[in-house]
């Protein structure tokens, strides 16, 4: 089964217009305040004449929610739950609540970074020691269930690959992200789900796009993520 990929190549066709239009760009303060002030969590008033899009994901997706919403203004109602969707088990456990009862035109989702957190016996995140939160086999099983559930609730589903993270201390998280993305891509292939390859978008531009913690993003980074995500969603809406 052939799967559509949204990648940096597709993204580049939008990039110039986004970065050069001052009226279309969020400044850095607005971007970086997005998750902290929970601006992305503020409910929107839906336009009944527009398609419904749901964003599900971790703090990275929270950071680009406002940009996606802006880029799809007058094209779609872009909605997200007022929460960090965290790891695959957490996402799966909360799906029914976050999906609601109405059908979605497009659901764009991601997880993975939280899944390969290292945690201690109490479940607290550690840096360099501890056990991985979700082992690869459990991650695959969780994604299979999530994919099946989302396909029942939406006309189109899009998976966003996890973005790069640094290798903290003795951990191998930088390599784990690649492996977890490989597992996810196989699940999406089997389910006919489109892939928004944010990892490939970010990897060659990490120093320019990511913030000092090398996990989250600066203003240009969130703009880039929002742009490619909006392109993928709009393409799915017209497919």
C-alpha atoms as a PDB file:
ATOM      1  CA  UNK A   1       0.000   0.000   0.000  1.00  0.00           C
ATOM      2  CA  UNK A   2       1.434   3.364  -1.033  1.00  0.00           C
ATOM      3  CA  UNK A   3       1.607   5.939   1.755  1.00  0.00           C
ATOM      4  CA  UNK A   4       1.800   9.685   1.181  1.00  0.00           C
ATOM      5  CA  UNK A   5       4.671  11.469   2.906  1.00  0.00           C
ATOM      6  CA  UNK A   6       4.778  15.147   3.735  1.00  0.00           C
ATOM      7  CA  UNK A   7       8.445  16.025   3.957  1.00  0.00           C
ATOM      8  CA  UNK A   8      10.832  18.934   3.842  1.00  0.00           C
ATOM      9  CA  UNK A   9      10.585  18.938   0.037  1.00  0.00           C
ATOM     10  CA  UNK A  10       6.855  19.643   0.178  1.00  0.00           C
ATOM     11  CA  UNK A  11       7.400  22.092   2.992  1.00  0.00           C
ATOM     12  CA  UNK A  12       9.864  24.168   0.969  1.00  0.00           C
ATOM     13  CA  UNK A  13       7.165  25.160  -1.521  1.00  0.00           C
ATOM     14  CA  UNK A  14       5.386  27.015   1.293  1.00  0.00           C
ATOM     15  CA  UNK A  15       8.400  28.299   3.183  1.00  0.00           C
ATOM     16  CA  UNK A  16       9.177  31.557   1.392  1.00  0.00           C
ATOM     17  CA  UNK A  17       5.633  32.891   1.580  1.00  0.00           C
ATOM     18  CA  UNK A  18       5.364  32.077   5.279  1.00  0.00           C
ATOM     19  CA  UNK A  19       8.673  33.575   6.372  1.00  0.00           C
ATOM     20  CA  UNK A  20       8.368  36.715   4.256  1.00  0.00           C
ATOM     21  CA  UNK A  21       4.797  37.619   5.172  1.00  0.00           C
ATOM     22  CA  UNK A  22       5.035  39.587   8.400  1.00  0.00           C
ATOM     23  CA  UNK A  23       1.275  39.513   8.808  1.00  0.00           C
ATOM     24  CA  UNK A  24       1.353  35.686   8.707  1.00  0.00           C
ATOM     25  CA  UNK A  25       4.191  35.116  11.171  1.00  0.00           C
ATOM     26  CA  UNK A  26       3.991  34.764  14.915  1.00  0.00           C
ATOM     27  CA  UNK A  27       6.849  36.424  16.738  1.00  0.00           C
ATOM     28  CA  UNK A  28       9.137  34.405  18.995  1.00  0.00           C
ATOM     29  CA  UNK A  29       7.475  35.548  22.217  1.00  0.00           C
ATOM     30  CA  UNK A  30       4.084  34.356  20.987  1.00  0.00           C
ATOM     31  CA  UNK A  31       5.485  31.008  19.865  1.00  0.00           C
ATOM     32  CA  UNK A  32       7.456  30.279  22.998  1.00  0.00           C
ATOM     33  CA  UNK A  33       4.566  31.393  25.192  1.00  0.00           C
ATOM     34  CA  UNK A  34       2.171  29.107  23.350  1.00  0.00           C
ATOM     35  CA  UNK A  35       2.502  26.094  25.628  1.00  0.00           C
ATOM     36  CA  UNK A  36       3.445  27.985  28.784  1.00  0.00           C
ATOM     37  CA  UNK A  37       0.379  30.209  28.759  1.00  0.00           C
ATOM     38  CA  UNK A  38      -1.745  27.436  27.280  1.00  0.00           C
ATOM     39  CA  UNK A  39      -2.915  29.696  24.463  1.00  0.00           C
ATOM     40  CA  UNK A  40      -3.212  26.623  22.286  1.00  0.00           C
ATOM     41  CA  UNK A  41      -5.679  25.160  24.803  1.00  0.00           C
ATOM     42  CA  UNK A  42      -8.200  27.982  24.489  1.00  0.00           C
ATOM     43  CA  UNK A  43     -11.352  26.536  22.843  1.00  0.00           C
ATOM     44  CA  UNK A  44     -12.198  27.913  19.423  1.00  0.00           C
ATOM     45  CA  UNK A  45     -15.630  28.783  18.091  1.00  0.00           C
ATOM     46  CA  UNK A  46     -16.221  26.337  15.275  1.00  0.00           C
ATOM     47  CA  UNK A  47     -17.423  27.516  11.888  1.00  0.00           C
ATOM     48  CA  UNK A  48     -20.071  24.926  10.880  1.00  0.00           C
ATOM     49  CA  UNK A  49     -19.201  25.462   7.228  1.00  0.00           C
ATOM     50  CA  UNK A  50     -15.596  24.343   7.610  1.00  0.00           C
ATOM     51  CA  UNK A  51     -14.092  20.852   7.996  1.00  0.00           C
ATOM     52  CA  UNK A  52     -13.041  19.658  11.448  1.00  0.00           C
ATOM     53  CA  UNK A  53      -9.365  18.915  12.183  1.00  0.00           C
ATOM     54  CA  UNK A  54      -8.076  17.446  15.444  1.00  0.00           C
ATOM     55  CA  UNK A  55      -4.460  17.758  16.592  1.00  0.00           C
ATOM     56  CA  UNK A  56      -3.289  15.174  19.135  1.00  0.00           C
ATOM     57  CA  UNK A  57       0.254  15.270  20.446  1.00  0.00           C
ATOM     58  CA  UNK A  58       2.872  16.230  22.991  1.00  0.00           C
ATOM     59  CA  UNK A  59       4.432  19.612  23.823  1.00  0.00           C
ATOM     60  CA  UNK A  60       5.949  19.839  20.345  1.00  0.00           C
ATOM     61  CA  UNK A  61       2.476  19.766  18.807  1.00  0.00           C
ATOM     62  CA  UNK A  62       1.243  22.260  21.397  1.00  0.00           C
ATOM     63  CA  UNK A  63       3.971  24.600  20.176  1.00  0.00           C
ATOM     64  CA  UNK A  64       2.858  24.476  16.535  1.00  0.00           C
ATOM     65  CA  UNK A  65      -0.908  24.415  17.155  1.00  0.00           C
ATOM     66  CA  UNK A  66      -1.309  28.190  16.907  1.00  0.00           C
ATOM     67  CA  UNK A  67       0.676  28.290  13.678  1.00  0.00           C
ATOM     68  CA  UNK A  68      -1.368  25.521  12.072  1.00  0.00           C
ATOM     69  CA  UNK A  69      -4.571  27.213  13.164  1.00  0.00           C
ATOM     70  CA  UNK A  70      -3.410  30.480  11.615  1.00  0.00           C
ATOM     71  CA  UNK A  71      -2.284  28.900   8.342  1.00  0.00           C
ATOM     72  CA  UNK A  72      -5.611  27.052   7.972  1.00  0.00           C
ATOM     73  CA  UNK A  73      -7.754  30.029   8.901  1.00  0.00           C
ATOM     74  CA  UNK A  74     -10.989  30.027   6.853  1.00  0.00           C
ATOM     75  CA  UNK A  75     -10.053  26.546   5.626  1.00  0.00           C
ATOM     76  CA  UNK A  76     -10.621  24.342   8.683  1.00  0.00           C
ATOM     77  CA  UNK A  77     -11.572  24.332  12.340  1.00  0.00           C
ATOM     78  CA  UNK A  78      -8.305  23.274  14.021  1.00  0.00           C
ATOM     79  CA  UNK A  79      -9.001  21.837  17.463  1.00  0.00           C
ATOM     80  CA  UNK A  80      -6.839  20.179  20.099  1.00  0.00           C
ATOM     81  CA  UNK A  81      -7.563  18.848  23.574  1.00  0.00           C
ATOM     82  CA  UNK A  82      -6.445  21.152  26.410  1.00  0.00           C
ATOM     83  CA  UNK A  83      -3.690  18.744  27.376  1.00  0.00           C
ATOM     84  CA  UNK A  84      -0.284  17.314  26.590  1.00  0.00           C
ATOM     85  CA  UNK A  85      -1.128  13.953  25.001  1.00  0.00           C
ATOM     86  CA  UNK A  86       2.186  12.518  26.224  1.00  0.00           C
ATOM     87  CA  UNK A  87       3.072   8.872  25.481  1.00  0.00           C
ATOM     88  CA  UNK A  88       1.219   6.248  23.431  1.00  0.00           C
ATOM     89  CA  UNK A  89      -0.388   4.532  26.456  1.00  0.00           C
ATOM     90  CA  UNK A  90      -1.620   7.877  27.794  1.00  0.00           C
ATOM     91  CA  UNK A  91      -2.953   8.852  24.380  1.00  0.00           C
ATOM     92  CA  UNK A  92      -4.731   5.521  24.010  1.00  0.00           C
ATOM     93  CA  UNK A  93      -6.292   5.762  27.468  1.00  0.00           C
ATOM     94  CA  UNK A  94      -7.731   9.224  26.749  1.00  0.00           C
ATOM     95  CA  UNK A  95      -8.784   8.776  23.134  1.00  0.00           C
ATOM     96  CA  UNK A  96     -12.505   8.373  23.710  1.00  0.00           C
ATOM     97  CA  UNK A  97     -12.650  11.588  25.730  1.00  0.00           C
ATOM     98  CA  UNK A  98     -10.553  13.559  23.252  1.00  0.00           C
ATOM     99  CA  UNK A  99     -12.299  12.239  20.134  1.00  0.00           C
ATOM    100  CA  UNK A 100     -15.810  12.980  21.355  1.00  0.00           C
ATOM    101  CA  UNK A 101     -18.843  11.748  19.468  1.00  0.00           C
ATOM    102  CA  UNK A 102     -18.699  13.806  16.272  1.00  0.00           C
ATOM    103  CA  UNK A 103     -16.769  12.682  13.219  1.00  0.00           C
ATOM    104  CA  UNK A 104     -13.531  14.400  12.197  1.00  0.00           C
ATOM    105  CA  UNK A 105     -12.434  15.229   8.668  1.00  0.00           C
ATOM    106  CA  UNK A 106      -8.748  14.910   9.561  1.00  0.00           C
ATOM    107  CA  UNK A 107      -6.939  13.747  12.680  1.00  0.00           C
ATOM    108  CA  UNK A 108      -3.232  14.577  12.924  1.00  0.00           C
ATOM    109  CA  UNK A 109      -1.451  12.794  15.771  1.00  0.00           C
ATOM    110  CA  UNK A 110       1.922  11.967  17.229  1.00  0.00           C
ATOM    111  CA  UNK A 111       3.674  10.416  20.195  1.00  0.00           C
ATOM    112  CA  UNK A 112       7.095   8.877  20.739  1.00  0.00           C
ATOM    113  CA  UNK A 113       9.271  11.321  22.639  1.00  0.00           C
ATOM    114  CA  UNK A 114       7.484  10.578  25.906  1.00  0.00           C
ATOM    115  CA  UNK A 115       7.544   6.859  25.106  1.00  0.00           C
ATOM    116  CA  UNK A 116      11.323   6.685  25.254  1.00  0.00           C
ATOM    117  CA  UNK A 117      11.738   8.801  28.344  1.00  0.00           C
ATOM    118  CA  UNK A 118      13.882   7.126  30.955  1.00  0.00           C
ATOM    119  CA  UNK A 119      11.926   6.806  34.206  1.00  0.00           C
ATOM    120  CA  UNK A 120      12.573   5.508  37.721  1.00  0.00           C
ATOM    121  CA  UNK A 121      10.472   3.015  39.674  1.00  0.00           C
ATOM    122  CA  UNK A 122       7.988   5.755  40.594  1.00  0.00           C
ATOM    123  CA  UNK A 123       7.519   6.778  36.972  1.00  0.00           C
ATOM    124  CA  UNK A 124       9.485  10.002  37.372  1.00  0.00           C
ATOM    125  CA  UNK A 125      11.571  11.125  34.388  1.00  0.00           C
ATOM    126  CA  UNK A 126      15.309  10.694  34.860  1.00  0.00           C
ATOM    127  CA  UNK A 127      18.259  11.828  32.756  1.00  0.00           C
ATOM    128  CA  UNK A 128      20.617   9.072  31.697  1.00  0.00           C
ATOM    129  CA  UNK A 129      19.519   6.266  34.043  1.00  0.00           C
ATOM    130  CA  UNK A 130      16.377   4.214  34.586  1.00  0.00           C
ATOM    131  CA  UNK A 131      14.114   2.153  32.338  1.00  0.00           C
ATOM    132  CA  UNK A 132      12.438   3.233  29.137  1.00  0.00           C
ATOM    133  CA  UNK A 133       8.797   4.215  29.644  1.00  0.00           C
ATOM    134  CA  UNK A 134       7.470   2.196  26.694  1.00  0.00           C
ATOM    135  CA  UNK A 135       9.457  -0.690  25.249  1.00  0.00           C
ATOM    136  CA  UNK A 136       9.418  -1.030  21.432  1.00  0.00           C
ATOM    137  CA  UNK A 137       6.963  -3.940  21.374  1.00  0.00           C
ATOM    138  CA  UNK A 138       4.467  -2.140  23.603  1.00  0.00           C
ATOM    139  CA  UNK A 139       4.876   0.991  21.502  1.00  0.00           C
ATOM    140  CA  UNK A 140       3.970  -0.931  18.370  1.00  0.00           C
ATOM    141  CA  UNK A 141       0.927  -2.528  20.011  1.00  0.00           C
ATOM    142  CA  UNK A 142      -0.278   0.818  21.345  1.00  0.00           C
ATOM    143  CA  UNK A 143       0.094   2.451  17.938  1.00  0.00           C
ATOM    144  CA  UNK A 144      -1.861  -0.324  16.262  1.00  0.00           C
ATOM    145  CA  UNK A 145      -4.771   0.254  18.623  1.00  0.00           C
ATOM    146  CA  UNK A 146      -4.562   4.024  18.260  1.00  0.00           C
ATOM    147  CA  UNK A 147      -4.477   3.831  14.469  1.00  0.00           C
ATOM    148  CA  UNK A 148      -7.502   1.533  14.341  1.00  0.00           C
ATOM    149  CA  UNK A 149      -9.468   3.767  16.705  1.00  0.00           C
ATOM    150  CA  UNK A 150      -8.637   6.979  14.827  1.00  0.00           C
ATOM    151  CA  UNK A 151      -9.582   5.479  11.468  1.00  0.00           C
ATOM    152  CA  UNK A 152     -13.064   4.809  12.831  1.00  0.00           C
ATOM    153  CA  UNK A 153     -13.437   8.459  13.824  1.00  0.00           C
ATOM    154  CA  UNK A 154     -11.991  10.359  10.863  1.00  0.00           C
ATOM    155  CA  UNK A 155     -12.094  10.524   7.078  1.00  0.00           C
ATOM    156  CA  UNK A 156      -8.303  10.943   6.990  1.00  0.00           C
ATOM    157  CA  UNK A 157      -5.594  10.256   9.583  1.00  0.00           C
ATOM    158  CA  UNK A 158      -2.053  11.678   9.540  1.00  0.00           C
ATOM    159  CA  UNK A 159       0.863  10.500  11.664  1.00  0.00           C
ATOM    160  CA  UNK A 160       3.678  12.939  12.508  1.00  0.00           C
ATOM    161  CA  UNK A 161       7.076  11.403  13.183  1.00  0.00           C
ATOM    162  CA  UNK A 162       8.809  12.278  16.460  1.00  0.00           C
ATOM    163  CA  UNK A 163      11.353  15.073  16.152  1.00  0.00           C
ATOM    164  CA  UNK A 164      15.032  14.642  17.137  1.00  0.00           C
ATOM    165  CA  UNK A 165      16.217  14.710  20.744  1.00  0.00           C
ATOM    166  CA  UNK A 166      19.785  14.709  22.113  1.00  0.00           C
ATOM    167  CA  UNK A 167      21.444  11.695  23.704  1.00  0.00           C
ATOM    168  CA  UNK A 168      21.353  12.613  27.394  1.00  0.00           C
ATOM    169  CA  UNK A 169      24.254  11.225  29.424  1.00  0.00           C
ATOM    170  CA  UNK A 170      24.362   7.429  29.087  1.00  0.00           C
ATOM    171  CA  UNK A 171      21.006   7.132  27.307  1.00  0.00           C
ATOM    172  CA  UNK A 172      20.632   6.331  23.626  1.00  0.00           C
ATOM    173  CA  UNK A 173      17.518   8.401  23.057  1.00  0.00           C
ATOM    174  CA  UNK A 174      18.841   9.991  19.884  1.00  0.00           C
ATOM    175  CA  UNK A 175      18.989   6.535  18.281  1.00  0.00           C
ATOM    176  CA  UNK A 176      15.801   5.378  19.974  1.00  0.00           C
ATOM    177  CA  UNK A 177      13.807   8.147  18.303  1.00  0.00           C
ATOM    178  CA  UNK A 178      14.907   6.806  14.919  1.00  0.00           C
ATOM    179  CA  UNK A 179      13.919   3.274  15.903  1.00  0.00           C
ATOM    180  CA  UNK A 180      10.553   4.329  17.311  1.00  0.00           C
ATOM    181  CA  UNK A 181       9.850   6.310  14.143  1.00  0.00           C
ATOM    182  CA  UNK A 182      10.686   3.220  12.105  1.00  0.00           C
ATOM    183  CA  UNK A 183       8.213   1.174  14.151  1.00  0.00           C
ATOM    184  CA  UNK A 184       5.550   3.848  13.749  1.00  0.00           C
ATOM    185  CA  UNK A 185       6.116   4.120   9.994  1.00  0.00           C
ATOM    186  CA  UNK A 186       5.536   0.379   9.611  1.00  0.00           C
ATOM    187  CA  UNK A 187       2.276   0.603  11.566  1.00  0.00           C
ATOM    188  CA  UNK A 188       1.106   3.539   9.455  1.00  0.00           C
ATOM    189  CA  UNK A 189       2.052   1.704   6.268  1.00  0.00           C
ATOM    190  CA  UNK A 190      -0.058  -1.259   7.335  1.00  0.00           C
ATOM    191  CA  UNK A 191      -3.013   1.026   8.080  1.00  0.00           C
ATOM    192  CA  UNK A 192      -2.795   3.261   5.018  1.00  0.00           C
ATOM    193  CA  UNK A 193      -2.113   6.344   7.148  1.00  0.00           C
ATOM    194  CA  UNK A 194      -0.342   9.378   5.687  1.00  0.00           C
ATOM    195  CA  UNK A 195       2.987  10.360   7.273  1.00  0.00           C
ATOM    196  CA  UNK A 196       4.065  13.896   8.108  1.00  0.00           C
ATOM    197  CA  UNK A 197       7.821  13.400   8.362  1.00  0.00           C
ATOM    198  CA  UNK A 198       8.756  16.108  10.854  1.00  0.00           C
ATOM    199  CA  UNK A 199      11.918  14.243  11.837  1.00  0.00           C
ATOM    200  CA  UNK A 200      13.408  14.615   8.346  1.00  0.00           C
ATOM    201  CA  UNK A 201      12.362  18.249   8.264  1.00  0.00           C
ATOM    202  CA  UNK A 202      14.194  19.057  11.499  1.00  0.00           C
ATOM    203  CA  UNK A 203      17.245  16.783  11.477  1.00  0.00           C
ATOM    204  CA  UNK A 204      19.440  18.721   8.981  1.00  0.00           C
ATOM    205  CA  UNK A 205      18.375  22.063  10.509  1.00  0.00           C
ATOM    206  CA  UNK A 206      18.520  21.251  14.216  1.00  0.00           C
ATOM    207  CA  UNK A 207      20.908  24.017  15.226  1.00  0.00           C
ATOM    208  CA  UNK A 208      18.767  26.651  13.518  1.00  0.00           C
ATOM    209  CA  UNK A 209      15.324  25.353  14.503  1.00  0.00           C
ATOM    210  CA  UNK A 210      15.586  23.867  18.001  1.00  0.00           C
ATOM    211  CA  UNK A 211      15.753  25.750  21.284  1.00  0.00           C
ATOM    212  CA  UNK A 212      18.543  25.506  23.839  1.00  0.00           C
ATOM    213  CA  UNK A 213      17.200  22.288  25.351  1.00  0.00           C
ATOM    214  CA  UNK A 214      17.594  20.674  21.887  1.00  0.00           C
ATOM    215  CA  UNK A 215      14.151  19.062  22.228  1.00  0.00           C
ATOM    216  CA  UNK A 216      11.750  21.959  21.776  1.00  0.00           C
ATOM    217  CA  UNK A 217      11.919  24.724  19.170  1.00  0.00           C
ATOM    218  CA  UNK A 218      12.543  28.395  18.629  1.00  0.00           C
ATOM    219  CA  UNK A 219      10.177  30.644  16.668  1.00  0.00           C
ATOM    220  CA  UNK A 220      11.512  29.606  13.258  1.00  0.00           C
ATOM    221  CA  UNK A 221      11.358  25.970  14.298  1.00  0.00           C
ATOM    222  CA  UNK A 222       7.712  26.086  15.298  1.00  0.00           C
ATOM    223  CA  UNK A 223       6.939  28.046  12.138  1.00  0.00           C
ATOM    224  CA  UNK A 224       8.574  25.324  10.049  1.00  0.00           C
ATOM    225  CA  UNK A 225       6.687  22.550  11.871  1.00  0.00           C
ATOM    226  CA  UNK A 226       3.399  24.430  11.574  1.00  0.00           C
ATOM    227  CA  UNK A 227       3.915  25.078   7.876  1.00  0.00           C
ATOM    228  CA  UNK A 228       4.619  21.478   6.913  1.00  0.00           C
ATOM    229  CA  UNK A 229       1.799  20.235   9.131  1.00  0.00           C
ATOM    230  CA  UNK A 230      -0.670  22.687   7.597  1.00  0.00           C
ATOM    231  CA  UNK A 231       0.391  21.580   4.106  1.00  0.00           C
ATOM    232  CA  UNK A 232      -0.203  17.926   5.020  1.00  0.00           C
ATOM    233  CA  UNK A 233      -3.595  18.627   6.535  1.00  0.00           C
ATOM    234  CA  UNK A 234      -4.765  20.766   3.631  1.00  0.00           C
ATOM    235  CA  UNK A 235      -3.653  18.087   1.194  1.00  0.00           C
ATOM    236  CA  UNK A 236      -5.615  15.478   3.159  1.00  0.00           C
ATOM    237  CA  UNK A 237      -8.702  17.695   3.177  1.00  0.00           C
ATOM    238  CA  UNK A 238      -8.625  17.897  -0.609  1.00  0.00           C
ATOM    239  CA  UNK A 239      -7.836  14.217  -1.155  1.00  0.00           C
END
